[in-house]
Amino acid sequence: MEKTEIQKQAKEILDRFAKALEKVKTEESFYVDRKEFERAEIKSKCEDFKQELLKNAPQKDSDFIIAEKGIWKK
């Protein structure tokens, strides 16, 4: 098939799908109303993860992992 013919068929399929979706009636709401929008960080879990990550890093500097971009390429 030609590229343009495939694009035309894809557009037709998407248009039919969009029209079918317009007919769908929903009475549910798709959002959650919360007082707080962010999770509180749990220090111990974050610190444990950070320490494990740093422990496994071959090169590190106190709080940071030292990496060289593209070092794996030949």
Protein backbone atom coordinates (compact mmCIF):
# COMPACT_ATOMS: atom_id res chain seq x y z
CA MET A 1 0.00 0.00 0.00
CA GLU A 2 1.04 3.54 -0.56
CA LYS A 3 1.94 5.65 2.43
CA THR A 4 -0.79 8.20 1.62
CA GLU A 5 -3.42 5.46 1.35
CA ILE A 6 -2.44 4.07 4.76
CA GLN A 7 -2.60 7.56 6.27
CA LYS A 8 -6.04 8.11 4.74
CA GLN A 9 -7.34 4.81 6.15
CA ALA A 10 -5.88 5.57 9.57
CA LYS A 11 -7.57 8.98 9.61
CA GLU A 12 -10.91 7.41 8.64
CA ILE A 13 -10.60 4.85 11.44
CA LEU A 14 -9.76 7.55 13.99
CA ASP A 15 -12.67 9.72 12.81
CA ARG A 16 -15.12 6.82 13.16
CA PHE A 17 -13.75 6.05 16.59
CA ALA A 18 -14.11 9.69 17.69
CA LYS A 19 -17.73 9.75 16.50
CA ALA A 20 -18.45 6.53 18.39
CA LEU A 21 -16.94 8.00 21.55
CA GLU A 22 -19.20 11.05 21.30
CA LYS A 23 -22.21 8.75 21.69
CA VAL A 24 -20.91 7.21 24.92
CA LYS A 25 -22.63 8.65 27.96
CA THR A 26 -20.87 8.56 31.31
CA GLU A 27 -22.22 9.61 34.64
CA GLU A 28 -19.07 8.95 36.62
CA SER A 29 -16.59 11.65 37.42
CA PHE A 30 -13.00 10.93 36.53
CA TYR A 31 -11.24 13.05 39.11
CA VAL A 32 -10.47 12.88 42.79
CA ASP A 33 -10.89 15.94 44.98
CA ARG A 34 -8.24 15.94 47.69
CA LYS A 35 -7.24 18.34 50.41
CA GLU A 36 -3.56 17.69 49.79
CA PHE A 37 -2.23 17.14 46.29
CA GLU A 38 1.26 15.88 47.08
CA ARG A 39 2.44 12.94 49.09
CA ALA A 40 4.52 13.62 52.14
CA GLU A 41 8.03 12.29 51.73
CA ILE A 42 9.08 9.63 54.14
CA LYS A 43 12.63 10.61 55.03
CA SER A 44 13.81 7.18 56.15
CA LYS A 45 12.78 5.46 52.90
CA CYS A 46 14.30 8.22 50.75
CA GLU A 47 17.53 8.19 52.70
CA ASP A 48 17.77 4.39 52.62
CA PHE A 49 17.24 4.38 48.85
CA LYS A 50 19.81 7.12 48.37
CA GLN A 51 22.40 5.33 50.50
CA GLU A 52 21.86 2.05 48.61
CA LEU A 53 22.18 3.86 45.29
CA LEU A 54 25.38 5.60 46.35
CA LYS A 55 26.79 2.38 47.79
CA ASN A 56 26.43 0.67 44.40
CA ALA A 57 27.79 3.55 42.31
CA PRO A 58 31.35 3.02 41.05
CA GLN A 59 32.17 6.75 41.21
CA LYS A 60 30.54 9.08 43.70
CA ASP A 61 31.13 12.34 45.54
CA SER A 62 29.37 12.45 48.95
CA ASP A 63 25.76 13.01 47.76
CA PHE A 64 26.15 12.61 43.99
CA ILE A 65 26.88 9.90 41.45
CA ILE A 66 29.60 10.88 39.00
CA ALA A 67 28.84 9.71 35.47
CA GLU A 68 30.29 10.44 32.08
CA LYS A 69 27.81 10.69 29.25
CA GLY A 70 28.51 8.22 26.48
CA ILE A 71 31.33 6.40 28.27
CA TRP A 72 29.88 3.03 27.19
CA LYS A 73 30.19 3.93 23.48
CA LYS A 74 33.26 2.90 21.54
